[in-house]
Amino acid sequence: MEAKEEEAKAMQRGQADIWKYMFSFVDSMALRCAVELRIADIIHSHGGPITLSQIVSNIPDSTSPDINCLARIMRLLVRRNIFTAQHDQSDGGETLYGLTHSSKWILHDSDLTLAPIFVAGTHPWLMSPWHCFSQCVKEGGTAFKKAHGREIWDFGSRNSEFNKLFNDGMECTSRILMRTIVSEYKDGFDRVGSLVDVGGGTGATISQIVESYPHIKGINFDLPHVTVTAPSYPGVSHVGGDMFQGVPSADALFLKASSILTIRLLFIYLVLFFGLIFVNQNSTLLSTFSKSEEVIHVTTNLKVAVGIIIIIIFF
């Protein structure tokens, strides 16, 4: 009897898990709503917690807002610790909503923000490939191509709106990452006269390096449809091309890799042919491999984001 009861409870927990996974997208969509409506920015602009009616009155292009709908969304986001909620008797008893450390990361006007990458990652263009996994298992190929008929880079070259969405997302993550690298890897770029950022997007990464090390001639290298939209940065030139066809000449190359497979392939290739320095999440020592006469040894407390490896190749 006891065994049957335990089995029944286990089945109930299993059912609860399935329901949880089925509706796990709700958190992402509620947060996307807050990002699109710039709710964190509205609260921040007031300098402190504000009421729901104050939030609604400041939502741009809001012709007939549904405050009850927003209240339900905010209730969920408070539960997820994205916003705070407190009852203020001095303000008519209305709930006041404030920022948390999490919502400070979705401020659009902040130098360090995750808002662009969150908007990109939850956009239908990048969500629809997730619905194609079963096709990939059955037929092979990539999920993005299954969803859109083209690989992501080809799709971006033909769709300017997607190109901007994707590049803005990459740029915001690069700024966060590079602030740590530039501040911690203090003397790492002193001996570099020219540096190519391979797959540098719109140039955010190389521009931060050159800003901290003005003696470096920076080259931002990416596909032509990416570099053509890149803004101008002092000391940085934009070059369009294909890294598999050739890379501009420089003293060193700078690469970022977030895919584990890409990291492994790059690592094997570069260790065989070039000297390289790589950094991973847990390292406090930048391991060095070199075929040149002078082996470069660098130690630092640099720590970067999970799943990111930075590779610098010295020639």
Protein backbone atom coordinates (compact mmCIF):
# COMPACT_ATOMS: atom_id res chain seq x y z
CA MET A 1 0.00 0.00 0.00
CA GLU A 2 2.79 2.39 0.94
CA ALA A 3 4.64 1.63 -2.30
CA LYS A 4 1.52 2.45 -4.33
CA GLU A 5 1.12 5.77 -2.52
CA GLU A 6 4.74 6.69 -3.20
CA GLU A 7 4.30 5.76 -6.86
CA ALA A 8 1.16 7.91 -7.08
CA LYS A 9 2.97 10.88 -5.52
CA ALA A 10 5.90 10.42 -7.90
CA MET A 11 3.51 10.39 -10.87
CA GLN A 12 1.90 13.60 -9.62
CA ARG A 13 5.31 15.25 -9.35
CA GLY A 14 6.11 14.06 -12.85
CA GLN A 15 2.88 15.55 -14.16
CA ALA A 16 3.66 18.84 -12.40
CA ASP A 17 7.07 18.91 -14.09
CA ILE A 18 5.51 18.49 -17.54
CA TRP A 19 3.08 21.35 -16.88
CA LYS A 20 5.97 23.47 -15.62
CA TYR A 21 8.04 22.87 -18.75
CA MET A 22 5.05 23.48 -21.00
CA PHE A 23 4.50 26.94 -19.54
CA SER A 24 8.12 27.88 -18.84
CA PHE A 25 8.02 30.23 -21.83
CA VAL A 26 5.66 32.52 -19.89
CA ASP A 27 8.49 34.02 -17.84
CA SER A 28 10.46 34.91 -20.97
CA MET A 29 7.47 36.44 -22.71
CA ALA A 30 6.46 38.47 -19.65
CA LEU A 31 9.99 39.81 -19.37
CA ARG A 32 10.08 40.55 -23.09
CA CYS A 33 6.90 42.59 -22.63
CA ALA A 34 8.60 44.62 -19.89
CA VAL A 35 11.65 45.18 -22.09
CA GLU A 36 9.56 46.27 -25.09
CA LEU A 37 7.50 48.65 -22.95
CA ARG A 38 10.69 49.98 -21.30
CA ILE A 39 9.17 49.56 -17.85
CA ALA A 40 12.56 49.44 -16.13
CA ASP A 41 13.56 52.68 -17.88
CA ILE A 42 10.31 54.36 -16.83
CA ILE A 43 10.87 53.44 -13.18
CA HIS A 44 14.53 54.47 -13.37
CA SER A 45 13.67 57.86 -14.88
CA HIS A 46 11.49 58.63 -11.84
CA GLY A 47 14.37 57.98 -9.48
CA GLY A 48 12.52 55.42 -7.38
CA PRO A 49 9.48 53.12 -7.07
CA ILE A 50 6.30 54.32 -8.79
CA THR A 51 2.69 53.21 -9.14
CA LEU A 52 1.19 51.17 -11.93
CA SER A 53 -0.76 54.18 -13.20
CA GLN A 54 2.47 56.18 -13.40
CA ILE A 55 4.09 53.40 -15.40
CA VAL A 56 1.16 53.21 -17.81
CA SER A 57 1.06 56.97 -18.34
CA ASN A 58 4.70 56.92 -19.44
CA ILE A 59 4.54 54.00 -21.89
CA PRO A 60 5.28 55.48 -25.34
CA ASP A 61 2.72 55.15 -28.14
CA SER A 62 0.12 53.76 -25.74
CA THR A 63 -3.29 54.80 -27.07
CA SER A 64 -5.59 52.62 -24.94
CA PRO A 65 -3.53 50.86 -22.25
CA ASP A 66 -4.96 47.95 -20.27
CA ILE A 67 -3.75 48.54 -16.72
CA ASN A 68 -5.23 45.25 -15.49
CA CYS A 69 -3.22 43.31 -18.06
CA LEU A 70 -0.06 45.11 -17.00
CA ALA A 71 -0.87 44.43 -13.33
CA ARG A 72 -0.91 40.68 -13.98
CA ILE A 73 2.37 40.83 -15.87
CA MET A 74 4.01 42.89 -13.12
CA ARG A 75 2.73 40.49 -10.46
CA LEU A 76 4.54 37.64 -12.23
CA LEU A 77 7.74 39.64 -12.70
CA VAL A 78 7.72 40.65 -9.03
CA ARG A 79 7.38 36.96 -8.18
CA ARG A 80 10.44 36.30 -10.37
CA ASN A 81 12.40 39.07 -8.59
CA ILE A 82 12.62 41.22 -11.72
CA PHE A 83 10.83 44.10 -9.95
CA THR A 84 10.00 44.92 -6.34
CA ALA A 85 6.53 45.71 -5.02
CA GLN A 86 5.72 47.59 -1.84
CA HIS A 87 2.50 48.99 -0.41
CA ASP A 88 2.73 52.71 0.32
CA GLN A 89 0.00 54.10 2.56
CA SER A 90 1.07 57.67 1.78
CA ASP A 91 0.23 57.27 -1.90
CA GLY A 92 -3.40 56.23 -1.68
CA GLY A 93 -2.54 52.66 -0.84
CA GLU A 94 -1.31 51.87 -4.34
CA THR A 95 1.48 49.38 -4.91
CA LEU A 96 4.83 50.92 -5.79
CA TYR A 97 7.08 49.07 -8.23
CA GLY A 98 10.85 49.39 -8.11
CA LEU A 99 13.97 48.00 -9.73
CA THR A 100 16.05 45.01 -8.65
CA HIS A 101 19.58 44.06 -9.64
CA SER A 102 18.02 41.96 -12.40
CA SER A 103 15.87 44.71 -13.94
CA LYS A 104 18.85 47.07 -13.97
CA TRP A 105 20.26 44.82 -16.70
CA ILE A 106 17.33 45.61 -19.02
CA LEU A 107 17.70 49.39 -18.95
CA HIS A 108 17.92 50.43 -22.59
CA ASP A 109 19.86 53.62 -21.89
CA SER A 110 22.55 51.96 -19.75
CA ASP A 111 26.08 51.41 -21.08
CA LEU A 112 25.88 47.83 -19.84
CA THR A 113 22.52 46.37 -20.81
CA LEU A 114 21.16 42.99 -21.86
CA ALA A 115 17.99 44.46 -23.37
CA PRO A 116 19.09 44.14 -27.05
CA ILE A 117 20.21 40.52 -26.73
CA PHE A 118 17.05 39.62 -24.83
CA VAL A 119 14.86 41.18 -27.52
CA ALA A 120 16.85 39.35 -30.20
CA GLY A 121 16.84 36.01 -28.42
CA THR A 122 13.08 36.04 -27.83
CA HIS A 123 12.16 37.36 -31.28
CA PRO A 124 10.15 34.97 -33.50
CA TRP A 125 13.08 34.87 -35.94
CA LEU A 126 15.26 33.23 -33.31
CA MET A 127 12.50 31.39 -31.46
CA SER A 128 11.03 29.57 -34.47
CA PRO A 129 14.15 27.41 -35.04
CA TRP A 130 13.52 25.81 -31.63
CA HIS A 131 10.37 24.30 -33.14
CA CYS A 132 12.45 22.48 -35.75
CA PHE A 133 14.54 20.22 -33.53
CA SER A 134 12.58 17.10 -34.39
CA GLN A 135 13.09 17.82 -38.10
CA CYS A 136 16.83 18.16 -37.51
CA VAL A 137 16.90 14.79 -35.78
CA LYS A 138 14.99 13.14 -38.63
CA GLU A 139 16.66 14.87 -41.57
CA GLY A 140 19.84 16.53 -40.32
CA GLY A 141 20.70 20.15 -41.03
CA THR A 142 20.41 23.27 -38.90
CA ALA A 143 17.28 24.40 -37.09
CA PHE A 144 17.60 27.98 -38.37
CA LYS A 145 17.62 26.88 -42.00
CA LYS A 146 14.68 24.56 -41.38
CA ALA A 147 12.70 27.51 -40.03
CA HIS A 148 13.74 30.20 -42.51
CA GLY A 149 15.05 28.42 -45.59
CA ARG A 150 18.53 29.95 -45.26
CA GLU A 151 21.46 29.77 -42.87
CA ILE A 152 21.59 32.59 -40.34
CA TRP A 153 24.40 34.56 -42.05
CA ASP A 154 22.73 34.38 -45.46
CA PHE A 155 19.41 35.35 -43.89
CA GLY A 156 21.04 38.35 -42.22
CA SER A 157 22.60 39.51 -45.49
CA ARG A 158 19.14 39.63 -47.10
CA ASN A 159 17.13 41.00 -44.18
CA SER A 160 18.32 44.36 -42.86
CA GLU A 161 15.91 44.30 -39.92
CA PHE A 162 17.20 40.94 -38.70
CA ASN A 163 20.76 42.06 -39.36
CA LYS A 164 20.31 45.05 -37.04
CA LEU A 165 18.49 43.00 -34.40
CA PHE A 166 21.27 40.40 -34.34
CA ASN A 167 24.14 42.90 -34.43
CA ASP A 168 22.65 45.02 -31.64
CA GLY A 169 22.39 41.90 -29.49
CA MET A 170 25.99 40.91 -30.17
CA GLU A 171 27.22 44.43 -29.50
CA CYS A 172 25.66 44.70 -26.04
CA THR A 173 27.18 41.41 -24.90
CA SER A 174 30.58 42.42 -26.29
CA ARG A 175 30.53 45.64 -24.28
CA ILE A 176 29.87 43.73 -21.06
CA LEU A 177 32.57 41.18 -21.79
CA MET A 178 35.19 43.66 -22.95
CA ARG A 179 34.84 45.92 -19.93
CA THR A 180 36.11 43.01 -17.83
CA ILE A 181 38.86 42.05 -20.25
CA VAL A 182 40.20 45.58 -20.71
CA SER A 183 40.17 46.29 -16.97
CA GLU A 184 41.78 42.99 -15.90
CA TYR A 185 44.07 42.14 -18.82
CA LYS A 186 45.92 45.38 -18.20
CA ASP A 187 49.22 44.91 -20.04
CA GLY A 188 48.15 42.26 -22.50
CA PHE A 189 47.89 44.53 -25.52
CA ASP A 190 51.01 46.66 -24.95
CA ARG A 191 53.12 44.81 -27.51
CA VAL A 192 50.41 44.75 -30.20
CA GLY A 193 50.70 47.41 -32.90
CA SER A 194 47.77 46.24 -35.02
CA LEU A 195 44.89 43.96 -34.10
CA VAL A 196 42.15 42.32 -36.18
CA ASP A 197 38.90 41.35 -34.47
CA VAL A 198 37.72 38.39 -36.54
CA GLY A 199 33.93 38.26 -36.52
CA GLY A 200 33.91 41.64 -34.80
CA GLY A 201 30.32 42.53 -35.68
CA THR A 202 29.79 46.28 -35.73
CA GLY A 203 33.09 47.00 -33.99
CA ALA A 204 32.12 47.40 -30.33
CA THR A 205 34.84 45.03 -29.12
CA ILE A 206 37.80 46.40 -31.06
CA SER A 207 36.73 49.98 -30.35
CA GLN A 208 36.96 49.37 -26.59
CA ILE A 209 40.42 47.86 -26.96
CA VAL A 210 41.67 50.75 -29.10
CA GLU A 211 40.12 53.28 -26.73
CA SER A 212 42.17 51.79 -23.87
CA TYR A 213 45.27 51.26 -26.05
CA PRO A 214 45.34 54.16 -28.54
CA HIS A 215 48.62 52.97 -30.08
CA ILE A 216 46.83 49.96 -31.60
CA LYS A 217 45.59 50.13 -35.18
CA GLY A 218 42.25 48.34 -34.93
CA ILE A 219 40.64 46.41 -37.77
CA ASN A 220 37.08 45.19 -37.41
CA PHE A 221 36.58 42.23 -39.74
CA ASP A 222 33.22 40.61 -40.44
CA LEU A 223 30.88 39.75 -43.29
CA PRO A 224 30.21 42.69 -45.65
CA HIS A 225 26.53 43.03 -44.72
CA VAL A 226 27.61 43.45 -41.08
CA THR A 227 30.48 45.92 -41.48
CA VAL A 228 28.50 48.14 -43.85
CA THR A 229 26.21 49.04 -40.93
CA ALA A 230 29.05 49.58 -38.43
CA PRO A 231 29.47 53.07 -36.94
CA SER A 232 32.74 54.98 -37.15
CA TYR A 233 35.19 54.59 -34.26
CA PRO A 234 38.48 56.49 -33.77
CA GLY A 235 41.43 54.29 -34.68
CA VAL A 236 39.28 51.51 -36.13
CA SER A 237 38.76 50.57 -39.78
CA HIS A 238 35.99 48.23 -40.92
CA VAL A 239 36.79 45.51 -43.45
CA GLY A 240 34.20 43.20 -44.97
CA GLY A 241 35.09 39.67 -46.03
CA ASP A 242 34.97 35.95 -45.28
CA MET A 243 37.38 34.57 -42.67
CA PHE A 244 37.49 31.25 -44.52
CA GLN A 245 38.82 33.05 -47.59
CA GLY A 246 41.32 35.31 -45.86
CA VAL A 247 41.88 37.68 -42.94
CA PRO A 248 43.48 41.17 -43.01
CA SER A 249 47.15 41.25 -42.03
CA ALA A 250 48.00 42.45 -38.51
CA ASP A 251 50.26 41.74 -35.54
CA ALA A 252 47.55 39.72 -33.82
CA LEU A 253 44.08 38.30 -34.31
CA PHE A 254 41.28 38.45 -31.76
CA LEU A 255 38.47 35.88 -31.81
CA LYS A 256 35.45 35.19 -29.62
CA ALA A 257 33.76 31.80 -29.63
CA SER A 258 30.60 30.83 -27.75
CA SER A 259 29.82 27.46 -29.32
CA ILE A 260 31.54 24.54 -27.61
CA LEU A 261 32.07 22.83 -30.97
CA THR A 262 33.45 26.02 -32.49
CA ILE A 263 35.75 26.47 -29.51
CA ARG A 264 37.14 22.95 -29.85
CA LEU A 265 37.70 23.25 -33.60
CA LEU A 266 39.36 26.66 -33.27
CA PHE A 267 41.47 25.44 -30.38
CA ILE A 268 42.79 22.40 -32.26
CA TYR A 269 43.44 24.39 -35.44
CA LEU A 270 45.13 27.31 -33.73
CA VAL A 271 47.28 25.25 -31.39
CA LEU A 272 48.64 23.40 -34.41
CA PHE A 273 49.45 26.48 -36.47
CA PHE A 274 49.69 29.56 -34.26
CA GLY A 275 50.66 30.76 -30.82
CA LEU A 276 47.53 31.60 -28.88
CA ILE A 277 46.31 32.75 -25.53
CA PHE A 278 42.93 31.56 -24.33
CA VAL A 279 40.76 32.38 -21.35
CA ASN A 280 37.86 30.41 -19.95
CA GLN A 281 35.47 30.93 -17.09
CA ASN A 282 37.46 29.19 -14.39
CA SER A 283 40.98 30.17 -15.34
CA THR A 284 43.12 32.59 -13.41
CA LEU A 285 46.07 31.75 -15.66
CA LEU A 286 46.01 32.46 -19.37
CA SER A 287 47.51 29.27 -20.75
CA THR A 288 49.93 29.86 -23.58
CA PHE A 289 50.83 27.85 -26.65
CA SER A 290 53.39 29.14 -29.13
CA LYS A 291 55.49 27.94 -32.06
CA SER A 292 57.54 31.12 -32.03
CA GLU A 293 60.93 31.41 -30.31
CA GLU A 294 59.51 33.60 -27.57
CA VAL A 295 56.79 31.96 -25.50
CA ILE A 296 54.34 34.47 -24.10
CA HIS A 297 53.51 33.97 -20.44
CA VAL A 298 50.71 36.04 -18.97
CA THR A 299 49.01 35.73 -15.60
CA THR A 300 45.87 37.57 -14.61
CA ASN A 301 42.72 37.29 -12.53
CA LEU A 302 40.61 37.70 -15.64
CA LYS A 303 37.30 35.88 -15.54
CA VAL A 304 34.77 36.06 -18.36
CA ALA A 305 31.24 34.88 -19.05
CA VAL A 306 30.25 31.22 -19.09
CA GLY A 307 30.79 29.55 -22.44
CA ILE A 308 32.96 32.32 -23.89
CA ILE A 309 36.55 31.87 -24.90
CA ILE A 310 38.72 34.73 -26.08
CA ILE A 311 41.57 33.83 -28.37
CA ILE A 312 44.44 36.15 -29.24
CA ILE A 313 46.86 34.96 -31.89
CA PHE A 314 50.28 36.57 -32.09
CA PHE A 315 52.31 36.32 -35.28
